[in-house]
């Protein structure tokens, strides 16, 4: 006997990036340009160190250098940093406004 199938409508909500700014110099990172994704933290507190993990967007080599120097001055025996170069891909969105014509 074949399986019984139905069609159903599924609505999905997802979080997407619509803008990005450098966490060092605060300038806007333009869609389609290369940037650095930096993950940094430490493991000083075992499993509780998850709260110490930070994610940063860095726009240029100059800002990346500043970030690395600042992080190098922090005191921790178990610190780590991960740097990835990527191309920024932002999503466009349209802000929906309520229809005020119906009263």
N, C-alpha and C. Protein backbone atom coordinates (compact mmCIF):
# COMPACT_ATOMS: atom_id res chain seq x y z
N UNK A 1 0.84 -1.17 0.00
CA UNK A 1 0.00 0.00 0.00
C UNK A 1 0.89 1.24 0.00
N UNK A 2 0.69 2.21 -0.90
CA UNK A 2 1.54 3.40 -0.95
C UNK A 2 1.31 4.30 0.26
N UNK A 3 2.31 5.11 0.53
CA UNK A 3 2.19 6.06 1.64
C UNK A 3 1.18 7.14 1.31
N UNK A 4 0.48 7.56 2.32
CA UNK A 4 -0.45 8.67 2.16
C UNK A 4 0.32 9.97 2.39
N UNK A 5 0.21 10.92 1.46
CA UNK A 5 0.94 12.17 1.57
C UNK A 5 -0.02 13.34 1.50
N UNK A 6 0.34 14.37 2.22
CA UNK A 6 -0.42 15.62 2.18
C UNK A 6 0.56 16.76 1.95
N UNK A 7 0.05 17.86 1.44
CA UNK A 7 0.86 19.07 1.32
C UNK A 7 0.48 20.00 2.46
N UNK A 8 1.48 20.62 3.02
CA UNK A 8 1.22 21.57 4.09
C UNK A 8 2.11 22.79 3.93
N UNK A 9 1.63 23.89 4.42
CA UNK A 9 2.35 25.15 4.36
C UNK A 9 3.17 25.30 5.63
N UNK A 10 4.47 25.55 5.48
CA UNK A 10 5.36 25.72 6.63
C UNK A 10 5.99 27.10 6.55
N UNK A 11 5.88 27.83 7.62
CA UNK A 11 6.46 29.16 7.68
C UNK A 11 7.71 29.09 8.56
N UNK A 12 8.84 29.61 8.05
CA UNK A 12 10.10 29.53 8.77
C UNK A 12 10.63 30.94 9.02
N UNK A 13 11.10 31.17 10.23
CA UNK A 13 11.73 32.44 10.56
C UNK A 13 13.21 32.16 10.79
N UNK A 14 14.07 32.95 10.16
CA UNK A 14 15.48 32.79 10.36
C UNK A 14 16.12 34.15 10.60
N UNK A 15 17.25 34.14 11.26
CA UNK A 15 18.00 35.36 11.52
C UNK A 15 19.06 35.51 10.45
N UNK A 16 19.10 36.66 9.79
CA UNK A 16 20.07 36.92 8.73
C UNK A 16 20.75 38.25 9.00
N UNK A 17 21.94 38.40 8.47
CA UNK A 17 22.69 39.65 8.61
C UNK A 17 22.22 40.65 7.56
N UNK A 18 21.92 41.87 7.98
CA UNK A 18 21.51 42.92 7.05
C UNK A 18 22.49 44.10 7.07
N UNK A 19 23.38 44.14 8.04
CA UNK A 19 24.44 45.15 8.07
C UNK A 19 25.56 44.64 8.98
N UNK A 20 26.76 45.20 8.77
CA UNK A 20 27.91 44.80 9.58
C UNK A 20 28.82 46.00 9.76
N UNK A 21 29.40 46.11 10.94
CA UNK A 21 30.33 47.18 11.26
C UNK A 21 31.58 46.57 11.88
N UNK A 22 32.70 47.18 11.63
CA UNK A 22 33.97 46.74 12.20
C UNK A 22 33.93 46.95 13.71
N UNK A 23 34.31 45.93 14.47
CA UNK A 23 34.30 46.02 15.92
C UNK A 23 35.48 46.81 16.47
N UNK A 24 36.43 47.18 15.62
CA UNK A 24 37.57 47.98 16.06
C UNK A 24 37.34 49.46 15.75
N UNK A 25 37.12 49.80 14.47
CA UNK A 25 37.02 51.21 14.07
C UNK A 25 35.57 51.68 13.88
N UNK A 26 34.62 50.77 13.98
CA UNK A 26 33.18 51.07 13.91
C UNK A 26 32.69 51.50 12.54
N UNK A 27 33.50 51.39 11.48
CA UNK A 27 33.03 51.74 10.14
C UNK A 27 32.19 50.60 9.57
N UNK A 28 31.30 50.94 8.67
CA UNK A 28 30.43 49.93 8.06
C UNK A 28 31.24 49.09 7.08
N UNK A 29 31.03 47.78 7.11
CA UNK A 29 31.65 46.86 6.16
C UNK A 29 30.68 46.70 5.01
N UNK A 30 31.14 46.97 3.80
CA UNK A 30 30.29 46.98 2.61
C UNK A 30 30.04 45.56 2.12
N UNK A 31 28.82 45.31 1.71
CA UNK A 31 28.42 44.00 1.18
C UNK A 31 29.33 43.62 0.01
N UNK A 32 29.81 42.39 -0.01
CA UNK A 32 30.64 41.89 -1.09
C UNK A 32 32.13 42.10 -0.89
N UNK A 33 32.54 42.79 0.18
CA UNK A 33 33.97 43.00 0.42
C UNK A 33 34.50 41.94 1.38
N UNK A 34 35.82 41.75 1.33
CA UNK A 34 36.45 40.80 2.24
C UNK A 34 36.61 41.42 3.62
N UNK A 35 36.49 40.59 4.65
CA UNK A 35 36.65 41.02 6.03
C UNK A 35 37.17 39.83 6.82
N UNK A 36 37.51 40.07 8.08
CA UNK A 36 37.98 38.99 8.94
C UNK A 36 36.92 38.67 9.98
N UNK A 37 36.64 37.38 10.15
CA UNK A 37 35.79 36.91 11.24
C UNK A 37 36.73 36.38 12.32
N UNK A 38 36.69 36.99 13.48
CA UNK A 38 37.60 36.64 14.56
C UNK A 38 36.80 36.05 15.71
N UNK A 39 37.22 34.90 16.16
CA UNK A 39 36.66 34.27 17.35
C UNK A 39 37.77 34.21 18.38
N UNK A 40 37.50 34.69 19.59
CA UNK A 40 38.53 34.67 20.61
C UNK A 40 37.92 34.36 21.97
N UNK A 41 38.75 33.85 22.86
CA UNK A 41 38.27 33.52 24.20
C UNK A 41 39.37 32.88 25.02
N UNK A 42 38.98 32.22 26.09
CA UNK A 42 39.94 31.49 26.93
C UNK A 42 39.23 30.30 27.54
N UNK A 43 40.03 29.42 28.15
CA UNK A 43 39.49 28.21 28.79
C UNK A 43 39.88 28.17 30.27
N UNK A 44 40.01 29.34 30.88
CA UNK A 44 40.46 29.42 32.27
C UNK A 44 39.47 28.79 33.25
N UNK A 45 38.18 28.78 32.92
CA UNK A 45 37.16 28.33 33.86
C UNK A 45 36.52 27.01 33.43
N UNK A 46 37.18 26.22 32.61
CA UNK A 46 36.59 24.96 32.16
C UNK A 46 35.36 25.20 31.31
N UNK A 47 34.30 24.45 31.55
CA UNK A 47 33.07 24.58 30.76
C UNK A 47 32.42 25.95 30.90
N UNK A 48 32.65 26.65 32.01
CA UNK A 48 32.07 27.97 32.20
C UNK A 48 32.75 29.04 31.34
N UNK A 49 33.83 28.69 30.68
CA UNK A 49 34.53 29.65 29.83
C UNK A 49 33.76 29.97 28.55
N UNK A 50 32.67 29.27 28.29
CA UNK A 50 31.87 29.55 27.09
C UNK A 50 31.42 31.00 27.06
N UNK A 51 31.21 31.60 28.23
CA UNK A 51 30.78 33.00 28.31
C UNK A 51 31.89 33.96 27.89
N UNK A 52 33.14 33.49 27.84
CA UNK A 52 34.27 34.35 27.49
C UNK A 52 34.51 34.40 25.98
N UNK A 53 33.79 33.60 25.20
CA UNK A 53 34.00 33.57 23.75
C UNK A 53 33.37 34.82 23.12
N UNK A 54 34.13 35.50 22.28
CA UNK A 54 33.66 36.70 21.59
C UNK A 54 33.81 36.51 20.09
N UNK A 55 32.86 37.04 19.34
CA UNK A 55 32.89 36.98 17.88
C UNK A 55 32.98 38.42 17.38
N UNK A 56 33.95 38.68 16.50
CA UNK A 56 34.17 40.04 16.02
C UNK A 56 34.29 40.07 14.51
N UNK A 57 33.81 41.16 13.91
CA UNK A 57 33.99 41.43 12.49
C UNK A 57 35.05 42.52 12.37
N UNK A 58 36.06 42.27 11.56
CA UNK A 58 37.18 43.20 11.41
C UNK A 58 37.30 43.56 9.93
N UNK A 59 37.39 44.87 9.63
CA UNK A 59 37.30 45.35 8.25
C UNK A 59 38.61 45.33 7.48
N UNK A 60 39.76 45.40 8.14
CA UNK A 60 41.02 45.59 7.40
C UNK A 60 42.19 44.96 8.14
N UNK A 61 43.33 44.91 7.44
CA UNK A 61 44.56 44.40 8.06
C UNK A 61 44.99 45.28 9.22
N UNK A 62 44.81 46.59 9.09
CA UNK A 62 45.19 47.53 10.15
C UNK A 62 44.37 47.26 11.42
N UNK A 63 43.06 47.12 11.26
CA UNK A 63 42.20 46.84 12.42
C UNK A 63 42.48 45.46 12.99
N UNK A 64 42.78 44.49 12.14
CA UNK A 64 43.12 43.14 12.62
C UNK A 64 44.38 43.20 13.46
N UNK A 65 45.37 43.96 13.03
CA UNK A 65 46.61 44.11 13.78
C UNK A 65 46.33 44.71 15.16
N UNK A 66 45.49 45.74 15.22
CA UNK A 66 45.11 46.35 16.50
C UNK A 66 44.43 45.33 17.41
N UNK A 67 43.53 44.54 16.85
CA UNK A 67 42.79 43.53 17.62
C UNK A 67 43.75 42.49 18.19
N UNK A 68 44.69 42.03 17.39
CA UNK A 68 45.64 41.02 17.84
C UNK A 68 46.54 41.57 18.94
N UNK A 69 47.00 42.81 18.78
CA UNK A 69 47.82 43.43 19.83
C UNK A 69 47.05 43.58 21.13
N UNK A 70 45.81 44.03 21.05
CA UNK A 70 44.99 44.19 22.25
C UNK A 70 44.75 42.85 22.93
N UNK A 71 44.47 41.83 22.13
CA UNK A 71 44.22 40.51 22.70
C UNK A 71 45.48 39.91 23.29
N UNK A 72 46.63 40.20 22.67
CA UNK A 72 47.89 39.69 23.19
C UNK A 72 48.23 40.24 24.55
N UNK A 73 47.73 41.43 24.88
CA UNK A 73 48.00 42.05 26.18
C UNK A 73 47.10 41.52 27.28
N UNK A 74 46.05 40.78 26.94
CA UNK A 74 45.17 40.22 27.96
C UNK A 74 45.87 39.07 28.69
N UNK A 75 45.59 38.93 29.96
CA UNK A 75 46.24 37.92 30.78
C UNK A 75 45.37 36.67 30.85
N UNK A 76 45.90 35.57 30.36
CA UNK A 76 45.21 34.28 30.42
C UNK A 76 46.21 33.21 30.00
N UNK A 77 46.16 32.09 30.68
CA UNK A 77 47.05 30.98 30.33
C UNK A 77 46.46 30.09 29.24
N UNK A 78 45.19 30.26 28.94
CA UNK A 78 44.53 29.35 28.00
C UNK A 78 43.81 30.10 26.89
N UNK A 79 44.25 31.29 26.54
CA UNK A 79 43.54 32.07 25.54
C UNK A 79 43.75 31.48 24.14
N UNK A 80 42.75 31.73 23.28
CA UNK A 80 42.83 31.28 21.89
C UNK A 80 42.22 32.34 20.99
N UNK A 81 42.64 32.32 19.74
CA UNK A 81 42.08 33.24 18.75
C UNK A 81 42.02 32.48 17.42
N UNK A 82 40.91 32.64 16.70
CA UNK A 82 40.73 32.02 15.40
C UNK A 82 40.38 33.14 14.42
N UNK A 83 41.11 33.22 13.31
CA UNK A 83 40.91 34.28 12.33
C UNK A 83 40.58 33.65 10.98
N UNK A 84 39.46 34.05 10.40
CA UNK A 84 39.05 33.57 9.09
C UNK A 84 38.79 34.76 8.18
N UNK A 85 39.28 34.70 6.96
CA UNK A 85 38.98 35.75 5.99
C UNK A 85 37.82 35.27 5.14
N UNK A 86 36.85 36.14 4.93
CA UNK A 86 35.63 35.77 4.22
C UNK A 86 35.12 36.98 3.44
N UNK A 87 34.15 36.73 2.58
CA UNK A 87 33.48 37.81 1.86
C UNK A 87 32.12 38.04 2.51
N UNK A 88 31.83 39.29 2.83
CA UNK A 88 30.58 39.62 3.51
C UNK A 88 29.39 39.46 2.56
N UNK A 89 28.43 38.68 2.99
CA UNK A 89 27.21 38.48 2.22
C UNK A 89 26.02 38.88 3.09
N UNK A 90 25.47 40.04 2.80
CA UNK A 90 24.33 40.55 3.55
C UNK A 90 23.05 40.27 2.78
N UNK A 91 21.95 40.18 3.51
CA UNK A 91 20.64 39.97 2.92
C UNK A 91 19.91 41.30 2.84
N UNK A 92 19.17 41.49 1.78
CA UNK A 92 18.34 42.68 1.66
C UNK A 92 17.00 42.38 2.32
N UNK A 93 16.39 43.41 2.86
CA UNK A 93 15.09 43.22 3.48
C UNK A 93 14.22 44.43 3.21
N UNK A 94 12.95 44.19 3.32
CA UNK A 94 11.96 45.25 3.17
C UNK A 94 11.23 45.34 4.49
N UNK A 95 11.22 46.53 5.06
CA UNK A 95 10.52 46.71 6.34
C UNK A 95 9.02 46.83 6.06
N UNK A 96 8.27 45.95 6.66
CA UNK A 96 6.80 45.97 6.47
C UNK A 96 6.19 46.91 7.49
N UNK A 97 5.33 47.77 7.03
CA UNK A 97 4.65 48.71 7.90
C UNK A 97 3.17 48.36 7.94
N UNK A 98 2.52 48.50 9.08
CA UNK A 98 1.11 48.17 9.16
C UNK A 98 0.27 49.09 8.29
N UNK A 99 -0.79 48.55 7.76
CA UNK A 99 -1.71 49.31 6.94
C UNK A 99 -2.66 50.07 7.84
N UNK A 100 -2.54 51.39 7.86
CA UNK A 100 -3.36 52.22 8.76
C UNK A 100 -4.66 52.67 8.12
N UNK A 101 -4.93 52.23 6.90
CA UNK A 101 -6.14 52.69 6.23
C UNK A 101 -7.42 52.05 6.79
N UNK A 102 -7.24 50.90 7.45
CA UNK A 102 -8.41 50.22 8.02
C UNK A 102 -8.59 50.67 9.48
N UNK A 103 -9.68 51.34 9.78
CA UNK A 103 -9.91 51.81 11.14
C UNK A 103 -11.25 51.29 11.63
